[in-house]
């Protein structure tokens, strides 16, 4: 019996980049202006002159960056960034810290012969 090698999970990142909340911080006007007007750095692709803030990636030239802007990966990231990031207060509420009003689940609609779930 010949076993096929295990397929790697597509969801894991090959390169560790910034998380969505960190990118939201980078999109603030003062930080974005700094990132878009970086000094020339010969150790970074494209000498750090062609940068996509939303994806946290450097490109060799403007043409490559424009191709990236039309890609599925970039569009997906833009869609993710449209959502408002959670605040610390919301995170604490989800974790059960602090005093917050109890939220009851609404019962789901059930068939007449079945009891309500909720």
PDB file of N, CA and C in Angstrom:
ATOM      1  N   UNK A   1       0.849  -1.174   0.000  1.00  0.00           N
ATOM      2  CA  UNK A   1       0.000   0.000   0.000  1.00  0.00           C
ATOM      3  C   UNK A   1       0.899   1.243   0.000  1.00  0.00           C
ATOM      4  N   UNK A   2       0.666   2.116  -0.964  1.00  0.00           N
ATOM      5  CA  UNK A   2       1.436   3.348  -1.076  1.00  0.00           C
ATOM      6  C   UNK A   2       0.626   4.483  -0.459  1.00  0.00           C
ATOM      7  N   UNK A   3       1.207   5.151   0.526  1.00  0.00           N
ATOM      8  CA  UNK A   3       0.512   6.266   1.169  1.00  0.00           C
ATOM      9  C   UNK A   3       0.953   7.576   0.546  1.00  0.00           C
ATOM     10  N   UNK A   4      -0.004   8.428   0.304  1.00  0.00           N
ATOM     11  CA  UNK A   4       0.279   9.751  -0.243  1.00  0.00           C
ATOM     12  C   UNK A   4       0.723  10.662   0.901  1.00  0.00           C
ATOM     13  N   UNK A   5       1.634  11.582   0.631  1.00  0.00           N
ATOM     14  CA  UNK A   5       2.056  12.497   1.695  1.00  0.00           C
ATOM     15  C   UNK A   5       0.903  13.393   2.130  1.00  0.00           C
ATOM     16  N   UNK A   6       0.917  13.757   3.397  1.00  0.00           N
ATOM     17  CA  UNK A   6      -0.126  14.623   3.935  1.00  0.00           C
ATOM     18  C   UNK A   6      -0.067  15.997   3.277  1.00  0.00           C
ATOM     19  N   UNK A   7      -1.229  16.509   2.923  1.00  0.00           N
ATOM     20  CA  UNK A   7      -1.304  17.849   2.338  1.00  0.00           C
ATOM     21  C   UNK A   7      -1.238  18.871   3.466  1.00  0.00           C
ATOM     22  N   UNK A   8      -0.429  19.901   3.279  1.00  0.00           N
ATOM     23  CA  UNK A   8      -0.311  20.931   4.314  1.00  0.00           C
ATOM     24  C   UNK A   8      -1.583  21.764   4.366  1.00  0.00           C
ATOM     25  N   UNK A   9      -1.879  22.259   5.542  1.00  0.00           N
ATOM     26  CA  UNK A   9      -3.056  23.086   5.737  1.00  0.00           C
ATOM     27  C   UNK A   9      -2.846  24.447   5.076  1.00  0.00           C
ATOM     28  N   UNK A  10      -3.795  24.862   4.258  1.00  0.00           N
ATOM     29  CA  UNK A  10      -3.689  26.144   3.552  1.00  0.00           C
ATOM     30  C   UNK A  10      -3.858  27.341   4.481  1.00  0.00           C
ATOM     31  N   UNK A  11      -4.436  27.121   5.642  1.00  0.00           N
ATOM     32  CA  UNK A  11      -4.750  28.225   6.540  1.00  0.00           C
ATOM     33  C   UNK A  11      -3.531  28.728   7.321  1.00  0.00           C
ATOM     34  N   UNK A  12      -2.465  27.945   7.386  1.00  0.00           N
ATOM     35  CA  UNK A  12      -1.297  28.387   8.132  1.00  0.00           C
ATOM     36  C   UNK A  12      -0.483  29.366   7.291  1.00  0.00           C
ATOM     37  N   UNK A  13       0.121  30.319   7.960  1.00  0.00           N
ATOM     38  CA  UNK A  13       0.913  31.314   7.253  1.00  0.00           C
ATOM     39  C   UNK A  13       2.325  30.798   7.042  1.00  0.00           C
ATOM     40  N   UNK A  14       2.831  31.007   5.852  1.00  0.00           N
ATOM     41  CA  UNK A  14       4.215  30.650   5.594  1.00  0.00           C
ATOM     42  C   UNK A  14       5.133  31.718   6.179  1.00  0.00           C
ATOM     43  N   UNK A  15       4.723  32.955   6.026  1.00  0.00           N
ATOM     44  CA  UNK A  15       5.495  34.067   6.587  1.00  0.00           C
ATOM     45  C   UNK A  15       4.636  34.760   7.628  1.00  0.00           C
ATOM     46  N   UNK A  16       5.192  34.986   8.777  1.00  0.00           N
ATOM     47  CA  UNK A  16       4.451  35.671   9.831  1.00  0.00           C
ATOM     48  C   UNK A  16       4.379  37.146   9.489  1.00  0.00           C
ATOM     49  N   UNK A  17       3.191  37.630   9.320  1.00  0.00           N
ATOM     50  CA  UNK A  17       2.979  39.034   9.011  1.00  0.00           C
ATOM     51  C   UNK A  17       2.229  39.705  10.144  1.00  0.00           C
ATOM     52  N   UNK A  18       1.703  40.852   9.859  1.00  0.00           N
ATOM     53  CA  UNK A  18       0.944  41.576  10.865  1.00  0.00           C
ATOM     54  C   UNK A  18      -0.478  41.037  10.915  1.00  0.00           C
ATOM     55  N   UNK A  19      -1.070  41.100  12.103  1.00  0.00           N
ATOM     56  CA  UNK A  19      -2.458  40.716  12.262  1.00  0.00           C
ATOM     57  C   UNK A  19      -3.347  41.871  11.831  1.00  0.00           C
ATOM     58  N   UNK A  20      -4.629  41.573  11.666  1.00  0.00           N
ATOM     59  CA  UNK A  20      -5.585  42.569  11.170  1.00  0.00           C
ATOM     60  C   UNK A  20      -5.630  43.804  12.074  1.00  0.00           C
ATOM     61  N   UNK A  21      -5.611  43.616  13.394  1.00  0.00           N
ATOM     62  CA  UNK A  21      -5.677  44.776  14.292  1.00  0.00           C
ATOM     63  C   UNK A  21      -4.438  45.656  14.171  1.00  0.00           C
ATOM     64  N   UNK A  22      -3.279  45.052  13.891  1.00  0.00           N
ATOM     65  CA  UNK A  22      -2.060  45.840  13.699  1.00  0.00           C
ATOM     66  C   UNK A  22      -2.132  46.626  12.386  1.00  0.00           C
ATOM     67  N   UNK A  23      -2.733  46.043  11.374  1.00  0.00           N
ATOM     68  CA  UNK A  23      -2.878  46.746  10.091  1.00  0.00           C
ATOM     69  C   UNK A  23      -3.868  47.896  10.235  1.00  0.00           C
ATOM     70  N   UNK A  24      -4.919  47.702  11.055  1.00  0.00           N
ATOM     71  CA  UNK A  24      -5.856  48.806  11.315  1.00  0.00           C
ATOM     72  C   UNK A  24      -5.117  49.998  11.923  1.00  0.00           C
ATOM     73  N   UNK A  25      -4.172  49.717  12.817  1.00  0.00           N
ATOM     74  CA  UNK A  25      -3.368  50.797  13.409  1.00  0.00           C
ATOM     75  C   UNK A  25      -2.505  51.470  12.345  1.00  0.00           C
ATOM     76  N   UNK A  26      -1.945  50.670  11.425  1.00  0.00           N
ATOM     77  CA  UNK A  26      -1.106  51.234  10.359  1.00  0.00           C
ATOM     78  C   UNK A  26      -1.900  52.107   9.397  1.00  0.00           C
ATOM     79  N   UNK A  27      -3.198  51.890   9.307  1.00  0.00           N
ATOM     80  CA  UNK A  27      -4.029  52.669   8.386  1.00  0.00           C
ATOM     81  C   UNK A  27      -4.405  54.038   8.942  1.00  0.00           C
ATOM     82  N   UNK A  28      -4.026  54.330  10.185  1.00  0.00           N
ATOM     83  CA  UNK A  28      -4.260  55.660  10.728  1.00  0.00           C
ATOM     84  C   UNK A  28      -3.448  56.658   9.902  1.00  0.00           C
ATOM     85  N   UNK A  29      -4.000  57.840   9.602  1.00  0.00           N
ATOM     86  CA  UNK A  29      -3.357  58.768   8.659  1.00  0.00           C
ATOM     87  C   UNK A  29      -1.882  59.076   8.925  1.00  0.00           C
ATOM     88  N   UNK A  30      -1.502  59.310  10.185  1.00  0.00           N
ATOM     89  CA  UNK A  30      -0.108  59.678  10.450  1.00  0.00           C
ATOM     90  C   UNK A  30       0.842  58.494  10.222  1.00  0.00           C
ATOM     91  N   UNK A  31       0.414  57.291  10.594  1.00  0.00           N
ATOM     92  CA  UNK A  31       1.247  56.107  10.368  1.00  0.00           C
ATOM     93  C   UNK A  31       1.283  55.737   8.887  1.00  0.00           C
ATOM     94  N   UNK A  32       0.147  55.866   8.209  1.00  0.00           N
ATOM     95  CA  UNK A  32       0.077  55.518   6.782  1.00  0.00           C
ATOM     96  C   UNK A  32       0.994  56.424   5.967  1.00  0.00           C
ATOM     97  N   UNK A  33       1.034  57.705   6.306  1.00  0.00           N
ATOM     98  CA  UNK A  33       1.896  58.639   5.577  1.00  0.00           C
ATOM     99  C   UNK A  33       3.365  58.238   5.731  1.00  0.00           C
ATOM    100  N   UNK A  34       3.750  57.814   6.944  1.00  0.00           N
ATOM    101  CA  UNK A  34       5.124  57.378   7.177  1.00  0.00           C
ATOM    102  C   UNK A  34       5.464  56.135   6.364  1.00  0.00           C
ATOM    103  N   UNK A  35       4.539  55.167   6.350  1.00  0.00           N
ATOM    104  CA  UNK A  35       4.784  53.910   5.640  1.00  0.00           C
ATOM    105  C   UNK A  35       4.837  54.094   4.125  1.00  0.00           C
ATOM    106  N   UNK A  36       4.057  55.019   3.604  1.00  0.00           N
ATOM    107  CA  UNK A  36       4.022  55.226   2.156  1.00  0.00           C
ATOM    108  C   UNK A  36       5.204  56.066   1.666  1.00  0.00           C
ATOM    109  N   UNK A  37       5.854  56.797   2.557  1.00  0.00           N
ATOM    110  CA  UNK A  37       7.005  57.628   2.185  1.00  0.00           C
ATOM    111  C   UNK A  37       8.242  57.203   2.969  1.00  0.00           C
ATOM    112  N   UNK A  38       8.629  55.954   2.811  1.00  0.00           N
ATOM    113  CA  UNK A  38       9.787  55.431   3.529  1.00  0.00           C
ATOM    114  C   UNK A  38      11.081  55.828   2.835  1.00  0.00           C
ATOM    115  N   UNK A  39      12.138  55.872   3.628  1.00  0.00           N
ATOM    116  CA  UNK A  39      13.457  56.143   3.061  1.00  0.00           C
ATOM    117  C   UNK A  39      13.914  54.927   2.265  1.00  0.00           C
ATOM    118  N   UNK A  40      14.831  55.134   1.340  1.00  0.00           N
ATOM    119  CA  UNK A  40      15.366  54.040   0.535  1.00  0.00           C
ATOM    120  C   UNK A  40      16.144  53.093   1.438  1.00  0.00           C
ATOM    121  N   UNK A  41      15.785  51.810   1.372  1.00  0.00           N
ATOM    122  CA  UNK A  41      16.462  50.772   2.144  1.00  0.00           C
ATOM    123  C   UNK A  41      16.819  49.660   1.168  1.00  0.00           C
ATOM    124  N   UNK A  42      18.107  49.507   0.903  1.00  0.00           N
ATOM    125  CA  UNK A  42      18.556  48.557  -0.112  1.00  0.00           C
ATOM    126  C   UNK A  42      18.362  47.098   0.287  1.00  0.00           C
ATOM    127  N   UNK A  43      18.073  46.838   1.548  1.00  0.00           N
ATOM    128  CA  UNK A  43      17.859  45.462   2.004  1.00  0.00           C
ATOM    129  C   UNK A  43      16.424  44.976   1.779  1.00  0.00           C
ATOM    130  N   UNK A  44      15.512  45.860   1.425  1.00  0.00           N
ATOM    131  CA  UNK A  44      14.102  45.518   1.246  1.00  0.00           C
ATOM    132  C   UNK A  44      13.789  45.514  -0.248  1.00  0.00           C
ATOM    133  N   UNK A  45      12.935  44.590  -0.717  1.00  0.00           N
ATOM    134  CA  UNK A  45      12.587  44.558  -2.141  1.00  0.00           C
ATOM    135  C   UNK A  45      12.078  45.914  -2.640  1.00  0.00           C
ATOM    136  N   UNK A  46      12.511  46.306  -3.826  1.00  0.00           N
ATOM    137  CA  UNK A  46      12.107  47.583  -4.404  1.00  0.00           C
ATOM    138  C   UNK A  46      12.630  48.769  -3.630  1.00  0.00           C
ATOM    139  N   UNK A  47      13.657  48.568  -2.832  1.00  0.00           N
ATOM    140  CA  UNK A  47      14.260  49.624  -2.011  1.00  0.00           C
ATOM    141  C   UNK A  47      13.248  50.307  -1.090  1.00  0.00           C
ATOM    142  N   UNK A  48      12.207  49.556  -0.680  1.00  0.00           N
ATOM    143  CA  UNK A  48      11.152  50.026   0.239  1.00  0.00           C
ATOM    144  C   UNK A  48      10.320  51.159  -0.347  1.00  0.00           C
ATOM    145  N   UNK A  49      10.223  51.231  -1.663  1.00  0.00           N
ATOM    146  CA  UNK A  49       9.465  52.315  -2.291  1.00  0.00           C
ATOM    147  C   UNK A  49       8.082  51.877  -2.774  1.00  0.00           C
ATOM    148  N   UNK A  50       7.823  50.587  -2.852  1.00  0.00           N
ATOM    149  CA  UNK A  50       6.544  50.077  -3.349  1.00  0.00           C
ATOM    150  C   UNK A  50       5.962  49.158  -2.285  1.00  0.00           C
ATOM    151  N   UNK A  51       5.092  49.721  -1.422  1.00  0.00           N
ATOM    152  CA  UNK A  51       4.584  49.014  -0.248  1.00  0.00           C
ATOM    153  C   UNK A  51       3.067  48.990  -0.250  1.00  0.00           C
ATOM    154  N   UNK A  52       2.495  47.845   0.082  1.00  0.00           N
ATOM    155  CA  UNK A  52       1.046  47.711   0.230  1.00  0.00           C
ATOM    156  C   UNK A  52       0.754  47.672   1.731  1.00  0.00           C
ATOM    157  N   UNK A  53       0.134  48.718   2.245  1.00  0.00           N
ATOM    158  CA  UNK A  53      -0.147  48.811   3.680  1.00  0.00           C
ATOM    159  C   UNK A  53      -1.117  47.717   4.109  1.00  0.00           C
ATOM    160  N   UNK A  54      -2.156  47.487   3.312  1.00  0.00           N
ATOM    161  CA  UNK A  54      -3.193  46.536   3.680  1.00  0.00           C
ATOM    162  C   UNK A  54      -2.653  45.111   3.830  1.00  0.00           C
ATOM    163  N   UNK A  55      -1.686  44.739   3.004  1.00  0.00           N
ATOM    164  CA  UNK A  55      -1.149  43.374   3.021  1.00  0.00           C
ATOM    165  C   UNK A  55       0.207  43.273   3.706  1.00  0.00           C
ATOM    166  N   UNK A  56       0.782  44.414   4.068  1.00  0.00           N
ATOM    167  CA  UNK A  56       2.102  44.449   4.712  1.00  0.00           C
ATOM    168  C   UNK A  56       3.150  43.774   3.826  1.00  0.00           C
ATOM    169  N   UNK A  57       3.215  44.196   2.554  1.00  0.00           N
ATOM    170  CA  UNK A  57       4.157  43.587   1.607  1.00  0.00           C
ATOM    171  C   UNK A  57       4.879  44.661   0.806  1.00  0.00           C
ATOM    172  N   UNK A  58       6.132  44.365   0.491  1.00  0.00           N
ATOM    173  CA  UNK A  58       6.938  45.227  -0.374  1.00  0.00           C
ATOM    174  C   UNK A  58       7.001  44.591  -1.752  1.00  0.00           C
ATOM    175  N   UNK A  59       7.089  45.425  -2.796  1.00  0.00           N
ATOM    176  CA  UNK A  59       7.160  44.930  -4.168  1.00  0.00           C
ATOM    177  C   UNK A  59       8.367  45.516  -4.879  1.00  0.00           C
ATOM    178  N   UNK A  60       8.837  44.787  -5.892  1.00  0.00           N
ATOM    179  CA  UNK A  60      10.043  45.166  -6.612  1.00  0.00           C
ATOM    180  C   UNK A  60       9.825  46.451  -7.401  1.00  0.00           C
ATOM    181  N   UNK A  61       8.668  46.573  -8.043  1.00  0.00           N
ATOM    182  CA  UNK A  61       8.388  47.780  -8.821  1.00  0.00           C
ATOM    183  C   UNK A  61       6.891  48.095  -8.785  1.00  0.00           C
ATOM    184  N   UNK A  62       6.530  49.226  -9.357  1.00  0.00           N
ATOM    185  CA  UNK A  62       5.137  49.685  -9.331  1.00  0.00           C
ATOM    186  C   UNK A  62       4.225  48.761 -10.133  1.00  0.00           C
ATOM    187  N   UNK A  63       4.735  48.176 -11.213  1.00  0.00           N
ATOM    188  CA  UNK A  63       3.925  47.275 -12.042  1.00  0.00           C
ATOM    189  C   UNK A  63       3.508  46.051 -11.219  1.00  0.00           C
ATOM    190  N   UNK A  64       4.439  45.480 -10.489  1.00  0.00           N
ATOM    191  CA  UNK A  64       4.141  44.322  -9.648  1.00  0.00           C
ATOM    192  C   UNK A  64       3.124  44.680  -8.574  1.00  0.00           C
ATOM    193  N   UNK A  65       3.246  45.881  -8.014  1.00  0.00           N
ATOM    194  CA  UNK A  65       2.279  46.314  -6.996  1.00  0.00           C
ATOM    195  C   UNK A  65       0.893  46.476  -7.599  1.00  0.00           C
ATOM    196  N   UNK A  66       0.799  46.995  -8.817  1.00  0.00           N
ATOM    197  CA  UNK A  66      -0.506  47.158  -9.468  1.00  0.00           C
ATOM    198  C   UNK A  66      -1.142  45.807  -9.773  1.00  0.00           C
ATOM    199  N   UNK A  67      -0.332  44.834 -10.170  1.00  0.00           N
ATOM    200  CA  UNK A  67      -0.845  43.479 -10.394  1.00  0.00           C
ATOM    201  C   UNK A  67      -1.368  42.912  -9.072  1.00  0.00           C
ATOM    202  N   UNK A  68      -0.635  43.144  -7.985  1.00  0.00           N
ATOM    203  CA  UNK A  68      -1.053  42.685  -6.662  1.00  0.00           C
ATOM    204  C   UNK A  68      -2.372  43.340  -6.253  1.00  0.00           C
ATOM    205  N   UNK A  69      -2.540  44.630  -6.558  1.00  0.00           N
ATOM    206  CA  UNK A  69      -3.767  45.337  -6.185  1.00  0.00           C
ATOM    207  C   UNK A  69      -5.006  44.723  -6.825  1.00  0.00           C
ATOM    208  N   UNK A  70      -4.833  44.050  -7.955  1.00  0.00           N
ATOM    209  CA  UNK A  70      -5.961  43.417  -8.642  1.00  0.00           C
ATOM    210  C   UNK A  70      -6.142  41.955  -8.243  1.00  0.00           C
ATOM    211  N   UNK A  71      -5.254  41.438  -7.393  1.00  0.00           N
ATOM    212  CA  UNK A  71      -5.280  40.019  -7.051  1.00  0.00           C
ATOM    213  C   UNK A  71      -6.369  39.688  -6.032  1.00  0.00           C
ATOM    214  N   UNK A  72      -6.679  38.403  -5.967  1.00  0.00           N
ATOM    215  CA  UNK A  72      -7.687  37.899  -5.040  1.00  0.00           C
ATOM    216  C   UNK A  72      -7.234  38.087  -3.585  1.00  0.00           C
ATOM    217  N   UNK A  73      -5.960  37.879  -3.325  1.00  0.00           N
ATOM    218  CA  UNK A  73      -5.418  38.001  -1.966  1.00  0.00           C
ATOM    219  C   UNK A  73      -5.615  39.425  -1.436  1.00  0.00           C
ATOM    220  N   UNK A  74      -5.306  40.405  -2.276  1.00  0.00           N
ATOM    221  CA  UNK A  74      -5.435  41.809  -1.871  1.00  0.00           C
ATOM    222  C   UNK A  74      -6.906  42.173  -1.644  1.00  0.00           C
ATOM    223  N   UNK A  75      -7.763  41.755  -2.548  1.00  0.00           N
ATOM    224  CA  UNK A  75      -9.195  42.075  -2.420  1.00  0.00           C
ATOM    225  C   UNK A  75      -9.785  41.430  -1.178  1.00  0.00           C
ATOM    226  N   UNK A  76      -9.342  40.220  -0.865  1.00  0.00           N
ATOM    227  CA  UNK A  76      -9.821  39.530   0.333  1.00  0.00           C
ATOM    228  C   UNK A  76      -9.377  40.286   1.582  1.00  0.00           C
ATOM    229  N   UNK A  77      -8.143  40.773   1.582  1.00  0.00           N
ATOM    230  CA  UNK A  77      -7.638  41.539   2.724  1.00  0.00           C
ATOM    231  C   UNK A  77      -8.429  42.837   2.896  1.00  0.00           C
ATOM    232  N   UNK A  78      -8.759  43.504   1.795  1.00  0.00           N
ATOM    233  CA  UNK A  78      -9.554  44.734   1.879  1.00  0.00           C
ATOM    234  C   UNK A  78     -10.918  44.453   2.502  1.00  0.00           C
ATOM    235  N   UNK A  79     -11.502  43.318   2.136  1.00  0.00           N
ATOM    236  CA  UNK A  79     -12.794  42.941   2.683  1.00  0.00           C
ATOM    237  C   UNK A  79     -12.696  42.688   4.184  1.00  0.00           C
ATOM    238  N   UNK A  80     -11.607  42.025   4.610  1.00  0.00           N
ATOM    239  CA  UNK A  80     -11.384  41.776   6.036  1.00  0.00           C
ATOM    240  C   UNK A  80     -11.211  43.085   6.799  1.00  0.00           C
ATOM    241  N   UNK A  81     -10.563  44.058   6.182  1.00  0.00           N
ATOM    242  CA  UNK A  81     -10.275  45.325   6.863  1.00  0.00           C
ATOM    243  C   UNK A  81     -11.495  46.233   6.970  1.00  0.00           C
ATOM    244  N   UNK A  82     -12.566  45.934   6.220  1.00  0.00           N
ATOM    245  CA  UNK A  82     -13.786  46.745   6.321  1.00  0.00           C
ATOM    246  C   UNK A  82     -14.484  46.536   7.653  1.00  0.00           C
ATOM    247  N   UNK A  83     -14.280  45.348   8.258  1.00  0.00           N
ATOM    248  CA  UNK A  83     -14.889  45.072   9.555  1.00  0.00           C
ATOM    249  C   UNK A  83     -14.187  45.888  10.640  1.00  0.00           C
ATOM    250  N   UNK A  84     -14.975  46.380  11.583  1.00  0.00           N
ATOM    251  CA  UNK A  84     -14.423  47.173  12.683  1.00  0.00           C
ATOM    252  C   UNK A  84     -13.750  46.218  13.667  1.00  0.00           C
ATOM    253  N   UNK A  85     -12.505  46.487  14.059  1.00  0.00           N
ATOM    254  CA  UNK A  85     -11.826  45.582  14.995  1.00  0.00           C
ATOM    255  C   UNK A  85     -12.483  45.638  16.380  1.00  0.00           C
ATOM    256  N   UNK A  86     -12.381  44.525  17.090  1.00  0.00           N
ATOM    257  CA  UNK A  86     -12.928  44.475  18.446  1.00  0.00           C
ATOM    258  C   UNK A  86     -12.134  45.383  19.369  1.00  0.00           C
ATOM    259  N   UNK A  87     -12.839  45.998  20.312  1.00  0.00           N
ATOM    260  CA  UNK A  87     -12.171  46.830  21.298  1.00  0.00           C
ATOM    261  C   UNK A  87     -11.785  45.961  22.495  1.00  0.00           C
ATOM    262  N   UNK A  88     -10.970  46.505  23.365  1.00  0.00           N
ATOM    263  CA  UNK A  88     -10.556  45.774  24.564  1.00  0.00           C
ATOM    264  C   UNK A  88     -11.763  45.487  25.441  1.00  0.00           C
ATOM    265  N   UNK A  89     -12.698  46.422  25.491  1.00  0.00           N
ATOM    266  CA  UNK A  89     -13.906  46.260  26.311  1.00  0.00           C
ATOM    267  C   UNK A  89     -14.746  45.083  25.802  1.00  0.00           C
ATOM    268  N   UNK A  90     -14.875  44.964  24.481  1.00  0.00           N
ATOM    269  CA  UNK A  90     -15.628  43.849  23.902  1.00  0.00           C
ATOM    270  C   UNK A  90     -14.929  42.516  24.159  1.00  0.00           C
ATOM    271  N   UNK A  91     -13.600  42.520  24.111  1.00  0.00           N
ATOM    272  CA  UNK A  91     -12.845  41.296  24.363  1.00  0.00           C
ATOM    273  C   UNK A  91     -13.025  40.837  25.804  1.00  0.00           C
ATOM    274  N   UNK A  92     -13.017  41.780  26.739  1.00  0.00           N
ATOM    275  CA  UNK A  92     -13.216  41.437  28.142  1.00  0.00           C
ATOM    276  C   UNK A  92     -14.622  40.903  28.381  1.00  0.00           C
ATOM    277  N   UNK A  93     -15.604  41.497  27.712  1.00  0.00           N
ATOM    278  CA  UNK A  93     -16.978  41.024  27.854  1.00  0.00           C
ATOM    279  C   UNK A  93     -17.117  39.601  27.330  1.00  0.00           C
ATOM    280  N   UNK A  94     -16.468  39.303  26.221  1.00  0.00           N
ATOM    281  CA  UNK A  94     -16.524  37.960  25.649  1.00  0.00           C
ATOM    282  C   UNK A  94     -15.821  36.952  26.549  1.00  0.00           C
ATOM    283  N   UNK A  95     -14.798  37.390  27.250  1.00  0.00           N
ATOM    284  CA  UNK A  95     -14.054  36.516  28.151  1.00  0.00           C
ATOM    285  C   UNK A  95     -14.698  36.364  29.513  1.00  0.00           C
ATOM    286  N   UNK A  96     -15.767  37.116  29.759  1.00  0.00           N
ATOM    287  CA  UNK A  96     -16.468  37.010  31.035  1.00  0.00           C
ATOM    288  C   UNK A  96     -15.878  37.871  32.124  1.00  0.00           C
ATOM    289  N   UNK A  97     -15.016  38.809  31.788  1.00  0.00           N
ATOM    290  CA  UNK A  97     -14.438  39.695  32.795  1.00  0.00           C
ATOM    291  C   UNK A  97     -15.320  40.920  32.972  1.00  0.00           C
ATOM    292  N   UNK A  98     -15.430  41.404  34.171  1.00  0.00           N
ATOM    293  CA  UNK A  98     -16.205  42.608  34.433  1.00  0.00           C
ATOM    294  C   UNK A  98     -17.677  42.294  34.630  1.00  0.00           C
ATOM    295  N   UNK A  99     -18.453  43.344  34.839  1.00  0.00           N
ATOM    296  CA  UNK A  99     -19.888  43.201  35.056  1.00  0.00           C
ATOM    297  C   UNK A  99     -20.599  43.753  33.824  1.00  0.00           C
ATOM    298  N   UNK A 100     -21.319  42.878  33.162  1.00  0.00           N
ATOM    299  CA  UNK A 100     -22.026  43.259  31.957  1.00  0.00           C
ATOM    300  C   UNK A 100     -23.440  42.700  32.022  1.00  0.00           C
ATOM    301  N   UNK A 101     -24.395  43.349  31.395  1.00  0.00           N
ATOM    302  CA  UNK A 101     -25.768  42.833  31.427  1.00  0.00           C
ATOM    303  C   UNK A 101     -25.837  41.455  30.757  1.00  0.00           C
ATOM    304  N   UNK A 102     -26.653  40.586  31.346  1.00  0.00           N
ATOM    305  CA  UNK A 102     -26.803  39.234  30.809  1.00  0.00           C
ATOM    306  C   UNK A 102     -27.607  39.287  29.512  1.00  0.00           C
ATOM    307  N   UNK A 103     -27.111  38.650  28.489  1.00  0.00           N
ATOM    308  CA  UNK A 103     -27.804  38.608  27.205  1.00  0.00           C
ATOM    309  C   UNK A 103     -28.407  37.227  27.050  1.00  0.00           C
ATOM    310  N   UNK A 104     -29.725  37.172  26.889  1.00  0.00           N
ATOM    311  CA  UNK A 104     -30.398  35.888  26.729  1.00  0.00           C
ATOM    312  C   UNK A 104     -30.505  35.558  25.245  1.00  0.00           C
ATOM    313  N   UNK A 105     -30.365  34.306  24.937  1.00  0.00           N
ATOM    314  CA  UNK A 105     -30.569  33.860  23.559  1.00  0.00           C
ATOM    315  C   UNK A 105     -32.057  33.825  23.275  1.00  0.00           C
ATOM    316  N   UNK A 106     -32.416  34.243  22.086  1.00  0.00           N
ATOM    317  CA  UNK A 106     -33.813  34.155  21.693  1.00  0.00           C
ATOM    318  C   UNK A 106     -34.108  32.708  21.306  1.00  0.00           C
ATOM    319  N   UNK A 107     -35.273  32.188  21.683  1.00  0.00           N
ATOM    320  CA  UNK A 107     -35.593  30.818  21.282  1.00  0.00           C
ATOM    321  C   UNK A 107     -35.746  30.738  19.765  1.00  0.00           C
ATOM    322  N   UNK A 108     -35.286  29.617  19.212  1.00  0.00           N
ATOM    323  CA  UNK A 108     -35.409  29.435  17.772  1.00  0.00           C
ATOM    324  C   UNK A 108     -36.798  28.923  17.453  1.00  0.00           C
ATOM    325  N   UNK A 109     -37.273  29.229  16.273  1.00  0.00           N
ATOM    326  CA  UNK A 109     -38.592  28.768  15.848  1.00  0.00           C
ATOM    327  C   UNK A 109     -38.552  27.252  15.684  1.00  0.00           C
ATOM    328  N   UNK A 110     -39.537  26.582  16.239  1.00  0.00           N
ATOM    329  CA  UNK A 110     -39.579  25.128  16.152  1.00  0.00           C
ATOM    330  C   UNK A 110     -40.930  24.696  15.587  1.00  0.00           C
ATOM    331  N   UNK A 111     -40.987  23.470  15.165  1.00  0.00           N
ATOM    332  CA  UNK A 111     -42.249  22.913  14.669  1.00  0.00           C
ATOM    333  C   UNK A 111     -43.194  22.750  15.853  1.00  0.00           C
ATOM    334  N   UNK A 112     -44.507  22.772  15.647  1.00  0.00           N
ATOM    335  CA  UNK A 112     -45.465  22.708  16.751  1.00  0.00           C
ATOM    336  C   UNK A 112     -45.288  21.501  17.694  1.00  0.00           C
ATOM    337  N   UNK A 113     -44.837  20.372  17.167  1.00  0.00           N
ATOM    338  CA  UNK A 113     -44.710  19.186  18.011  1.00  0.00           C
ATOM    339  C   UNK A 113     -43.334  19.084  18.692  1.00  0.00           C
ATOM    340  N   UNK A 114     -42.398  20.029  18.404  1.00  0.00           N
ATOM    341  CA  UNK A 114     -41.086  20.005  19.013  1.00  0.00           C
ATOM    342  C   UNK A 114     -40.968  21.108  20.062  1.00  0.00           C
ATOM    343  N   UNK A 115     -40.280  20.860  21.168  1.00  0.00           N
ATOM    344  CA  UNK A 115     -40.095  21.918  22.168  1.00  0.00           C
ATOM    345  C   UNK A 115     -39.148  22.998  21.655  1.00  0.00           C
ATOM    346  N   UNK A 116     -39.285  24.191  22.201  1.00  0.00           N
ATOM    347  CA  UNK A 116     -38.394  25.289  21.825  1.00  0.00           C
ATOM    348  C   UNK A 116     -37.003  25.035  22.383  1.00  0.00           C
ATOM    349  N   UNK A 117     -35.990  25.403  21.601  1.00  0.00           N
ATOM    350  CA  UNK A 117     -34.609  25.272  22.026  1.00  0.00           C
ATOM    351  C   UNK A 117     -34.150  26.651  22.464  1.00  0.00           C
ATOM    352  N   UNK A 118     -33.508  26.774  23.579  1.00  0.00           N
ATOM    353  CA  UNK A 118     -33.035  28.083  23.940  1.00  0.00           C
ATOM    354  C   UNK A 118     -32.743  28.270  25.307  1.00  0.00           C
TER     355      UNK A 118
END
